Structures are given as structure tokens and as C-alpha cells.
Amino acid sequence: MVKQTAGHDQLGNFAEKFAELNDDVLFGEVWSREDKLSLRDRSLVTICVFMGKGLVDSSLKYHILNAKKNGITLSEMAEIVTHAAFYSGWPNAWAVFNIVKEVYAEEIQSHNNERGTTHGGGFGMGEPNVNYAQYFIGNSYLKMLEKTDSGVAFANVTFEPGCRNNWHIHHSSKGGGQVLICVEGEGWYQEEGKEPRSLKVGDIVVIPANVKHWHGAKSDSWFSHIAVEIPGVDTSNEWCEPVSDEEYNNIETY
């Protein structure tokens, strides 16, 4: 095992005894007992303890990096966090998965490429959204999922970072409107005259008919949502002006 010096490096002379206990005892004597428990298994145990206590800061990221170095694969890490979620809580699991996605980014990209689901939140990106490209800034992708006999339509829309659609209105004299179910990344939703709403996986947006609005990806994230078209009477879509760079960049400071 490589000698640990994080305590001395980060604390210096400020807390010498703590640094000594961290580097020489915790890592020097406990972690080094590989004949009793392998580094891989110690990483597994440590991550579960951190997750159980809700400690999802930079120290957990360090241990997940170590776990990767110690041989825990992406699929094993996913299974570890999923298993521990039932004991430590679902919000803790989501927080840990966000760190795992950073640490295993290359492995996740490779995995997704192999499965043909680079983006789209498991539903796939579909094809370039060429028929509606004139109403978008940036590239978007569309995959139709289902349409019921009653007229409810489901489509997965994926936005590259910075991509957003124009202001638009789903008109209807009765019923109508749209529901967005966020399935990947982070994005924005805004209704005219209201503050923008930050969106993440699991968020649901109910868009009433006849309300002017827009939605799209944040500047540093791909974003996918399932758009559910609600049947109505005399329905039509009105596409309005684009969301300017100035408007969008001001929102990005929220």
C-alpha cells in the first residue's frame, strides 16, 4: 500500500497529531493490514459507512477514487450503492451516485457507447430533431416512445449542453398542456413572468395549456426529459421568440 500523506499535506503544522493519527495509524496501521482484509474490501466497507452516515463530501469522493484503484469495477460500485440504499436511505444513494458518475465517467461513457444509449436517461437519444431544429438553439434529439388510443403521446427529448427550445405555448380550449419527466442530467424550465426552475433527474413539471414557457439543458450538462402530451380540444402549438444568450446566461447565474 502506498504511504498516505494527506493529513500532513493538508494540515501541515496546524494539527500535527491529527495528521499523524490519520496518516500513520488509520492508513499506516489499519488500512495496511491487507493480510486480514484486502484494500478492495476495506474500500467497500468504508464507502458503505460514509453512505450510511450521509457523508457525501470530498472525503467520500477520495474513497471512491481509492475503490476504483483498488479494483472495484463500475458494475460492482453500482451494485454496492444500490444494495446500501435500502439501509442508508434513497437520498444518500442519489448523492453517492452523483459522485460515482464523476469518478467513473470514462467507464460510464464506454458502457453507454456499447449499449447505444450515450444519453437519454436509459430511453436512448433517438434521432436528431431536424423537424423542429428551427425552434431550438443548439442540437436536440427526439425519440418517440408511445402513443395511447386516447391520444396521450410520450417522447424522450434530449438536449446537448446549452441547448434550449424557443418560448412556446401549447394552446387548448379544454384540457391539453404537457408534462415533463426529467430522466437525465440537469436543465431549466421557465414560465413567462416567473423565476426559472432548476431541474434534475426525477423532477416533474406540469405545464398548463395556454402558458408561455421554455425548457432546455444547463450549460454544463446534457439533459433529457420525457414529454407527455395531454389530449385536449382545439390543440395547437405556437412557437415564439428564441431564448437569447443574454437571457440564458443570466439564468445560469442562479
Protein backbone atom coordinates (compact mmCIF):
# COMPACT_ATOMS: atom_id res chain seq x y z
CA MET A 1 0.00 0.00 0.00
CA VAL A 2 1.28 3.49 -0.92
CA LYS A 3 2.13 5.56 2.17
CA GLN A 4 -0.63 8.05 2.95
CA THR A 5 0.43 11.67 3.48
CA ALA A 6 -2.89 13.53 3.07
CA GLY A 7 -3.03 14.54 6.72
CA HIS A 8 0.40 16.10 6.71
CA ASP A 9 -0.09 17.61 3.25
CA GLN A 10 -3.39 19.30 4.06
CA LEU A 11 -2.94 20.16 7.74
CA GLY A 12 0.80 20.75 7.91
CA ASN A 13 1.79 22.06 11.33
CA PHE A 14 -1.75 23.16 12.19
CA ALA A 15 -2.89 19.80 13.59
CA GLU A 16 0.21 17.62 13.70
CA LYS A 17 -1.24 14.95 15.98
CA PHE A 18 -4.38 14.51 13.88
CA ALA A 19 -2.26 14.29 10.74
CA GLU A 20 -0.08 11.69 12.41
CA LEU A 21 -3.08 9.59 13.50
CA ASN A 22 -4.65 9.88 10.05
CA ASP A 23 -1.55 9.00 8.03
CA ASP A 24 0.40 6.72 10.35
CA VAL A 25 -2.31 4.93 12.33
CA LEU A 26 -5.52 4.89 10.26
CA PHE A 27 -3.79 4.32 6.93
CA GLY A 28 -0.36 3.17 8.13
CA GLU A 29 -1.58 0.51 10.57
CA VAL A 30 -5.26 -0.19 9.90
CA TRP A 31 -5.57 0.06 6.11
CA SER A 32 -2.23 -1.70 5.66
CA ARG A 33 -3.45 -4.93 7.30
CA GLU A 34 -4.06 -6.48 3.90
CA ASP A 35 -3.47 -9.98 5.25
CA LYS A 36 -6.64 -9.55 7.33
CA LEU A 37 -8.82 -7.68 4.81
CA SER A 38 -7.92 -6.62 1.29
CA LEU A 39 -7.74 -2.98 0.23
CA ARG A 40 -10.65 -3.65 -2.11
CA ASP A 41 -12.86 -4.88 0.69
CA ARG A 42 -11.77 -2.07 3.01
CA SER A 43 -12.81 0.42 0.31
CA LEU A 44 -16.19 -1.29 0.04
CA VAL A 45 -16.76 -1.15 3.81
CA THR A 46 -15.64 2.48 4.05
CA ILE A 47 -17.95 3.66 1.27
CA CYS A 48 -20.92 1.95 2.91
CA VAL A 49 -20.11 3.56 6.28
CA PHE A 50 -19.81 7.02 4.71
CA MET A 51 -23.05 6.48 2.79
CA GLY A 52 -24.86 5.31 5.91
CA LYS A 53 -23.81 8.42 7.82
CA GLY A 54 -24.74 10.72 4.94
CA LEU A 55 -21.12 11.89 4.49
CA VAL A 56 -21.13 12.68 0.78
CA ASP A 57 -18.40 15.30 0.57
CA SER A 58 -14.91 15.34 -0.95
CA SER A 59 -13.68 12.71 1.52
CA LEU A 60 -16.15 10.19 0.08
CA LYS A 61 -15.02 11.07 -3.42
CA TYR A 62 -11.46 10.29 -2.30
CA HIS A 63 -12.54 6.87 -1.05
CA ILE A 64 -14.46 6.13 -4.25
CA LEU A 65 -11.34 7.04 -6.23
CA ASN A 66 -9.41 4.66 -3.99
CA ALA A 67 -12.04 1.98 -4.50
CA LYS A 68 -11.58 2.29 -8.26
CA LYS A 69 -7.80 1.99 -7.85
CA ASN A 70 -8.31 -0.98 -5.55
CA GLY A 71 -10.23 -2.89 -8.21
CA ILE A 72 -13.92 -2.18 -7.66
CA THR A 73 -15.50 -2.04 -11.11
CA LEU A 74 -18.29 0.25 -12.29
CA SER A 75 -20.88 -2.53 -12.20
CA GLU A 76 -19.77 -3.57 -8.71
CA MET A 77 -19.93 0.02 -7.48
CA ALA A 78 -23.45 0.40 -8.86
CA GLU A 79 -24.49 -2.79 -7.08
CA ILE A 80 -22.84 -1.71 -3.81
CA VAL A 81 -24.66 1.63 -3.76
CA THR A 82 -27.96 0.06 -4.81
CA HIS A 83 -27.71 -2.55 -2.04
CA ALA A 84 -26.72 0.01 0.60
CA ALA A 85 -29.56 2.34 -0.44
CA PHE A 86 -32.08 0.10 1.32
CA TYR A 87 -30.21 0.54 4.60
CA SER A 88 -28.89 4.09 4.35
CA GLY A 89 -31.72 5.86 2.53
CA TRP A 90 -32.59 6.73 -1.06
CA PRO A 91 -31.40 10.39 -0.94
CA ASN A 92 -27.98 9.23 0.27
CA ALA A 93 -27.79 6.79 -2.63
CA TRP A 94 -28.57 9.52 -5.17
CA ALA A 95 -25.86 11.72 -3.67
CA VAL A 96 -23.32 8.88 -3.83
CA PHE A 97 -24.27 8.00 -7.41
CA ASN A 98 -23.56 11.61 -8.44
CA ILE A 99 -20.00 11.21 -7.11
CA VAL A 100 -19.65 7.78 -8.70
CA LYS A 101 -20.61 9.31 -12.06
CA GLU A 102 -17.70 11.77 -11.74
CA VAL A 103 -15.14 9.16 -10.70
CA TYR A 104 -16.19 6.53 -13.25
CA ALA A 105 -17.03 8.99 -16.06
CA GLU A 106 -14.87 7.25 -18.68
CA GLU A 107 -16.22 3.82 -17.78
CA ILE A 108 -19.81 5.08 -17.90
CA GLN A 109 -19.23 6.68 -21.31
CA SER A 110 -17.74 3.45 -22.64
CA HIS A 111 -20.60 1.42 -21.16
CA ASN A 112 -23.20 3.71 -22.70
CA ASN A 113 -21.48 3.68 -26.08
CA GLU A 114 -21.52 -0.11 -26.09
CA ARG A 115 -25.23 -0.13 -25.35
CA GLY A 116 -26.02 2.66 -27.78
CA THR A 117 -27.51 4.84 -25.05
CA THR A 118 -24.93 7.58 -24.73
CA HIS A 119 -27.63 9.94 -23.48
CA GLY A 120 -31.36 9.83 -23.00
CA GLY A 121 -31.65 8.54 -19.46
CA GLY A 122 -31.93 4.89 -20.47
CA PHE A 123 -34.52 5.54 -23.17
CA GLY A 124 -31.97 6.35 -25.89
CA MET A 125 -31.32 9.61 -27.71
CA GLY A 126 -33.25 8.79 -30.83
CA GLU A 127 -32.54 10.81 -33.95
CA PRO A 128 -31.52 14.46 -34.49
CA ASN A 129 -34.63 16.57 -34.02
CA VAL A 130 -34.43 18.00 -37.54
CA ASN A 131 -38.15 18.73 -37.97
CA TYR A 132 -38.10 21.14 -35.05
CA ALA A 133 -34.50 22.35 -35.29
CA GLN A 134 -35.65 25.84 -36.27
CA TYR A 135 -37.25 26.19 -32.83
CA PHE A 136 -34.13 25.22 -30.88
CA ILE A 137 -30.80 26.84 -30.10
CA GLY A 138 -28.24 24.01 -30.16
CA ASN A 139 -28.75 20.36 -31.02
CA SER A 140 -31.63 18.29 -29.72
CA TYR A 141 -32.67 14.69 -30.27
CA LEU A 142 -36.09 13.06 -30.34
CA LYS A 143 -37.21 9.51 -29.66
CA MET A 144 -40.91 8.74 -29.86
CA LEU A 145 -41.86 6.22 -27.18
CA GLU A 146 -45.59 5.57 -27.25
CA LYS A 147 -48.99 6.96 -28.10
CA THR A 148 -52.14 5.62 -26.48
CA ASP A 149 -55.52 5.13 -28.12
CA SER A 150 -56.79 8.10 -26.10
CA GLY A 151 -54.16 10.36 -27.67
CA VAL A 152 -51.59 10.64 -24.87
CA ALA A 153 -48.16 10.81 -26.54
CA PHE A 154 -44.80 10.07 -24.91
CA ALA A 155 -41.50 11.23 -26.39
CA ASN A 156 -37.98 11.43 -25.00
CA VAL A 157 -36.26 14.72 -25.83
CA THR A 158 -32.50 15.11 -25.27
CA PHE A 159 -30.69 18.48 -25.25
CA GLU A 160 -26.95 18.92 -25.58
CA PRO A 161 -25.36 21.31 -23.04
CA GLY A 162 -26.67 24.84 -23.59
CA CYS A 163 -29.46 23.72 -25.91
CA ARG A 164 -32.96 25.09 -25.29
CA ASN A 165 -36.17 25.47 -27.21
CA ASN A 166 -37.88 28.76 -28.04
CA TRP A 167 -40.58 30.26 -25.92
CA HIS A 168 -43.75 28.42 -26.90
CA ILE A 169 -47.38 27.82 -25.95
CA HIS A 170 -49.48 24.67 -26.00
CA HIS A 171 -52.89 26.09 -26.89
CA SER A 172 -56.13 24.31 -26.00
CA SER A 173 -59.70 25.40 -25.33
CA LYS A 174 -60.15 22.47 -22.94
CA GLY A 175 -57.62 20.07 -21.41
CA GLY A 176 -54.28 19.92 -23.16
CA GLY A 177 -50.91 21.02 -21.84
CA GLN A 178 -47.83 18.94 -21.26
CA VAL A 179 -45.96 17.07 -18.51
CA LEU A 180 -42.16 16.79 -18.40
CA ILE A 181 -40.49 13.92 -16.54
CA CYS A 182 -36.74 14.52 -16.12
CA VAL A 183 -34.68 11.38 -16.73
CA GLU A 184 -31.07 12.54 -17.22
CA GLY A 185 -28.81 15.48 -16.42
CA GLU A 186 -29.86 18.95 -15.35
CA GLY A 187 -31.91 21.62 -17.08
CA TRP A 188 -34.11 24.69 -16.79
CA TYR A 189 -37.83 25.37 -17.06
CA GLN A 190 -39.38 28.83 -17.04
CA GLU A 191 -42.86 30.24 -17.48
CA GLU A 192 -43.32 33.81 -18.66
CA GLY A 193 -43.26 36.23 -15.74
CA LYS A 194 -41.92 33.66 -13.28
CA GLU A 195 -38.49 32.72 -11.93
CA PRO A 196 -36.65 29.86 -13.71
CA ARG A 197 -36.83 26.43 -12.12
CA SER A 198 -33.75 24.22 -11.92
CA LEU A 199 -34.45 20.63 -12.96
CA LYS A 200 -32.73 17.36 -12.12
CA VAL A 201 -33.45 13.66 -12.54
CA GLY A 202 -36.78 12.72 -11.00
CA ASP A 203 -38.34 16.19 -11.22
CA ILE A 204 -41.76 16.52 -12.83
CA VAL A 205 -43.10 19.68 -14.46
CA VAL A 206 -46.80 20.10 -15.14
CA ILE A 207 -47.27 22.71 -17.89
CA PRO A 208 -50.80 24.10 -18.14
CA ALA A 209 -52.30 24.80 -21.52
CA ASN A 210 -52.02 28.36 -22.86
CA VAL A 211 -48.95 29.22 -20.73
CA LYS A 212 -45.89 30.64 -22.49
CA HIS A 213 -42.72 28.82 -21.41
CA TRP A 214 -39.41 27.26 -22.46
CA HIS A 215 -37.13 24.47 -21.25
CA GLY A 216 -33.68 23.11 -22.02
CA ALA A 217 -30.31 21.95 -20.72
CA LYS A 218 -27.96 23.75 -18.39
CA SER A 219 -24.75 24.96 -19.97
CA ASP A 220 -22.61 22.20 -18.45
CA SER A 221 -24.96 19.23 -18.66
CA TRP A 222 -26.79 17.06 -21.14
CA PHE A 223 -30.48 16.93 -20.29
CA SER A 224 -33.26 14.52 -21.18
CA HIS A 225 -36.93 14.57 -20.32
CA ILE A 226 -39.94 12.58 -21.36
CA ALA A 227 -42.56 14.93 -22.78
CA VAL A 228 -46.11 13.75 -22.22
CA GLU A 229 -48.63 15.45 -24.48
CA ILE A 230 -52.04 15.73 -22.82
CA PRO A 231 -55.06 15.44 -25.15
CA GLY A 232 -57.36 18.44 -25.39
CA VAL A 233 -59.81 20.30 -27.56
CA ASP A 234 -58.65 22.64 -30.36
CA THR A 235 -54.99 21.97 -29.53
CA SER A 236 -52.08 23.61 -31.34
CA ASN A 237 -48.52 24.67 -30.60
CA GLU A 238 -47.35 28.24 -31.07
CA TRP A 239 -43.60 28.75 -31.37
CA CYS A 240 -42.40 32.19 -30.28
CA GLU A 241 -39.08 34.03 -29.99
CA PRO A 242 -35.82 32.27 -29.01
CA VAL A 243 -34.36 32.47 -25.51
CA SER A 244 -31.49 34.86 -26.15
CA ASP A 245 -27.94 34.21 -24.98
CA GLU A 246 -28.28 37.15 -22.60
CA GLU A 247 -31.45 35.74 -21.03
CA TYR A 248 -29.97 32.28 -20.80
CA ASN A 249 -26.61 33.37 -19.34
CA ASN A 250 -28.39 35.45 -16.71
CA ILE A 251 -30.37 32.38 -15.67
CA GLU A 252 -27.17 30.34 -15.46
CA THR A 253 -26.04 32.59 -12.57
CA TYR A 254 -28.91 31.40 -10.35
